[in-house]
């Protein structure tokens, strides 16, 4: 069954509901929303960042390291509800909306997305997560220096340098200010 997204003009005004197949065309001309959820923790001292390795079955960027949990916001759904749903679907953990702290919104015309970035500070262990094998092949906590090296490598999904700089900035700030609630 095809997914449906609320669509927006460049000013963020709602213009209708489209099927995913139309929203994901290169010349869509309108934006849909996505959530990108990043996790940091205190484990091992100095803080760590969670990343996922995408499943080999994924159409785009199979076997590449990426955002630990991300996905589209379905029609009629708010961004925090999408965060809860995506985290539960991909990582098998259910968190309350209050755990997701908004960091920034990015506008990208290549996939026609308003991507909202959230940060979750928690000390959950990888063995306490249940991965969806269709989405996620592996998850791993990285130290900040190792994460930075991975983020800018060819082993990570090919996001823009500006995207990566933004992510590294808010993650570094979170680790400096203390990663766990």
Protein backbone atom coordinates (compact mmCIF):
# COMPACT_ATOMS: atom_id res chain seq x y z
CA UNK A 1 0.00 0.00 0.00
CA UNK A 2 1.37 3.37 -1.00
CA UNK A 3 2.16 6.02 1.60
CA UNK A 4 0.65 9.51 1.40
CA UNK A 5 2.32 12.77 2.47
CA UNK A 6 1.08 16.23 3.32
CA UNK A 7 2.66 18.57 0.77
CA UNK A 8 3.86 22.15 1.25
CA UNK A 9 4.99 25.05 -0.89
CA UNK A 10 8.39 26.69 -0.29
CA UNK A 11 6.83 28.93 2.41
CA UNK A 12 5.55 25.94 4.38
CA UNK A 13 1.89 26.39 3.43
CA UNK A 14 -0.06 23.12 3.10
CA UNK A 15 -1.10 22.55 -0.52
CA UNK A 16 -2.56 19.03 -0.42
CA UNK A 17 -1.87 15.32 0.01
CA UNK A 18 0.12 13.36 -2.55
CA UNK A 19 1.13 9.72 -2.90
CA UNK A 20 4.81 8.99 -2.18
CA UNK A 21 5.40 8.10 -5.83
CA UNK A 22 4.47 11.64 -6.91
CA UNK A 23 6.21 13.39 -3.97
CA UNK A 24 9.49 11.60 -4.77
CA UNK A 25 9.76 12.66 -8.40
CA UNK A 26 12.84 14.80 -9.23
CA UNK A 27 10.63 17.68 -10.42
CA UNK A 28 7.99 17.43 -7.65
CA UNK A 29 7.94 21.19 -7.11
CA UNK A 30 6.52 20.80 -3.59
CA UNK A 31 7.90 19.61 -0.28
CA UNK A 32 7.04 16.81 2.13
CA UNK A 33 8.32 16.38 5.69
CA UNK A 34 10.81 13.89 7.07
CA UNK A 35 12.26 13.33 10.53
CA UNK A 36 15.91 12.51 11.25
CA UNK A 37 16.49 11.20 14.77
CA UNK A 38 20.00 11.19 16.27
CA UNK A 39 20.94 9.49 19.54
CA UNK A 40 23.74 10.38 21.97
CA UNK A 41 24.70 8.77 25.28
CA UNK A 42 27.17 8.81 28.15
CA UNK A 43 28.51 5.27 27.76
CA UNK A 44 32.27 4.94 27.95
CA UNK A 45 32.76 8.53 29.08
CA UNK A 46 32.96 11.46 26.70
CA UNK A 47 29.71 10.56 24.98
CA UNK A 48 28.81 8.38 22.04
CA UNK A 49 26.68 8.70 18.91
CA UNK A 50 24.46 5.93 17.53
CA UNK A 51 24.47 5.14 13.82
CA UNK A 52 22.80 2.45 11.76
CA UNK A 53 24.07 0.48 8.80
CA UNK A 54 21.34 0.37 6.18
CA UNK A 55 20.08 -3.02 5.08
CA UNK A 56 21.52 -4.56 1.91
CA UNK A 57 17.91 -4.68 0.67
CA UNK A 58 17.52 -0.87 0.66
CA UNK A 59 17.11 0.69 -2.81
CA UNK A 60 19.16 3.76 -1.91
CA UNK A 61 22.56 3.54 -0.22
CA UNK A 62 22.47 -0.14 0.82
CA UNK A 63 25.10 -1.15 3.39
CA UNK A 64 26.00 2.48 4.13
CA UNK A 65 26.07 3.97 7.63
CA UNK A 66 23.39 6.56 8.26
CA UNK A 67 21.05 8.33 10.68
CA UNK A 68 20.02 5.87 13.42
CA UNK A 69 16.32 6.42 12.74
CA UNK A 70 14.60 8.46 10.03
CA UNK A 71 11.53 8.48 7.89
CA UNK A 72 8.73 10.39 6.28
CA UNK A 73 5.90 12.10 8.10
CA UNK A 74 2.67 10.53 6.87
CA UNK A 75 -0.35 12.60 5.85
CA UNK A 76 -2.19 13.84 8.93
CA UNK A 77 0.71 12.95 11.24
CA UNK A 78 2.78 15.43 13.26
CA UNK A 79 6.58 15.24 13.34
CA UNK A 80 6.86 14.00 16.94
CA UNK A 81 4.42 11.18 16.26
CA UNK A 82 6.55 10.24 13.23
CA UNK A 83 9.65 10.23 15.49
CA UNK A 84 8.00 7.81 17.93
CA UNK A 85 6.74 5.58 15.07
CA UNK A 86 10.03 5.49 13.14
CA UNK A 87 12.11 4.77 16.25
CA UNK A 88 9.80 1.93 17.22
CA UNK A 89 9.68 0.49 13.68
CA UNK A 90 13.42 0.65 12.96
CA UNK A 91 15.03 0.18 16.38
CA UNK A 92 12.26 -1.53 18.34
CA UNK A 93 12.23 1.04 21.14
CA UNK A 94 9.23 3.09 22.19
CA UNK A 95 10.06 6.49 23.60
CA UNK A 96 7.71 9.26 24.73
CA UNK A 97 7.48 12.37 22.55
CA UNK A 98 9.20 14.35 25.32
CA UNK A 99 12.51 12.49 24.64
CA UNK A 100 12.79 13.95 21.12
CA UNK A 101 14.43 17.39 21.23
CA UNK A 102 14.08 19.50 18.08
CA UNK A 103 17.43 20.72 16.71
CA UNK A 104 16.79 22.27 13.30
CA UNK A 105 14.89 22.05 10.05
CA UNK A 106 16.68 21.75 6.73
CA UNK A 107 15.17 22.51 3.34
CA UNK A 108 16.47 20.39 0.48
CA UNK A 109 15.15 20.66 -3.08
CA UNK A 110 16.90 17.49 -4.25
CA UNK A 111 14.50 15.16 -2.43
CA UNK A 112 11.94 18.00 -1.96
CA UNK A 113 12.00 17.63 1.82
CA UNK A 114 11.65 19.71 4.92
CA UNK A 115 13.74 17.48 7.19
CA UNK A 116 13.37 18.07 10.90
CA UNK A 117 16.29 16.90 13.03
CA UNK A 118 15.75 15.63 16.58
CA UNK A 119 18.16 14.52 19.26
CA UNK A 120 17.51 11.81 21.85
CA UNK A 121 19.78 11.63 24.88
CA UNK A 122 19.69 8.17 26.43
CA UNK A 123 21.92 5.35 27.62
CA UNK A 124 20.06 2.50 25.88
CA UNK A 125 22.17 -0.52 24.98
CA UNK A 126 22.20 -1.87 21.43
CA UNK A 127 21.24 -5.32 22.72
CA UNK A 128 18.01 -3.78 24.07
CA UNK A 129 16.97 -2.73 20.55
CA UNK A 130 15.06 -4.90 18.08
CA UNK A 131 16.08 -4.00 14.55
CA UNK A 132 13.85 -4.21 11.50
CA UNK A 133 16.08 -6.28 9.16
CA UNK A 134 14.38 -4.78 6.07
CA UNK A 135 15.65 -1.37 7.19
CA UNK A 136 18.67 -1.86 9.44
CA UNK A 137 21.57 -4.32 9.15
CA UNK A 138 23.50 -3.16 12.23
CA UNK A 139 23.67 -0.42 14.86
CA UNK A 140 26.70 0.81 16.71
CA UNK A 141 27.73 3.53 19.17
CA UNK A 142 30.73 5.63 18.06
CA UNK A 143 32.94 8.04 19.98
CA UNK A 144 32.79 11.62 18.67
CA UNK A 145 36.17 11.40 16.85
CA UNK A 146 35.22 8.06 15.25
CA UNK A 147 31.75 9.37 14.33
CA UNK A 148 33.24 12.45 12.68
CA UNK A 149 35.63 10.31 10.64
CA UNK A 150 32.78 7.99 9.58
CA UNK A 151 30.38 10.87 8.83
CA UNK A 152 32.74 12.39 6.24
CA UNK A 153 33.80 9.04 4.73
CA UNK A 154 32.47 7.13 1.72
CA UNK A 155 31.08 4.54 4.17
CA UNK A 156 28.37 7.04 5.24
CA UNK A 157 25.36 7.94 3.08
CA UNK A 158 26.27 10.74 0.66
CA UNK A 159 24.56 13.66 2.39
CA UNK A 160 25.89 17.13 1.51
CA UNK A 161 28.83 18.59 3.41
CA UNK A 162 26.52 21.31 4.74
CA UNK A 163 24.17 18.62 6.07
CA UNK A 164 27.04 16.78 7.76
CA UNK A 165 28.45 20.01 9.22
CA UNK A 166 25.03 20.86 10.70
CA UNK A 167 24.63 17.41 12.26
CA UNK A 168 28.15 17.36 13.67
CA UNK A 169 27.56 20.82 15.15
CA UNK A 170 24.45 20.00 17.17
CA UNK A 171 25.76 16.59 18.22
CA UNK A 172 29.05 18.07 19.44
CA UNK A 173 27.15 20.73 21.37
CA UNK A 174 24.92 18.07 22.98
CA UNK A 175 27.94 16.06 24.09
CA UNK A 176 29.70 19.13 25.50
CA UNK A 177 26.59 20.12 27.49
CA UNK A 178 26.07 16.60 28.85
CA UNK A 179 24.45 13.86 26.84
CA UNK A 180 21.94 12.21 29.19
CA UNK A 181 18.78 13.70 30.66
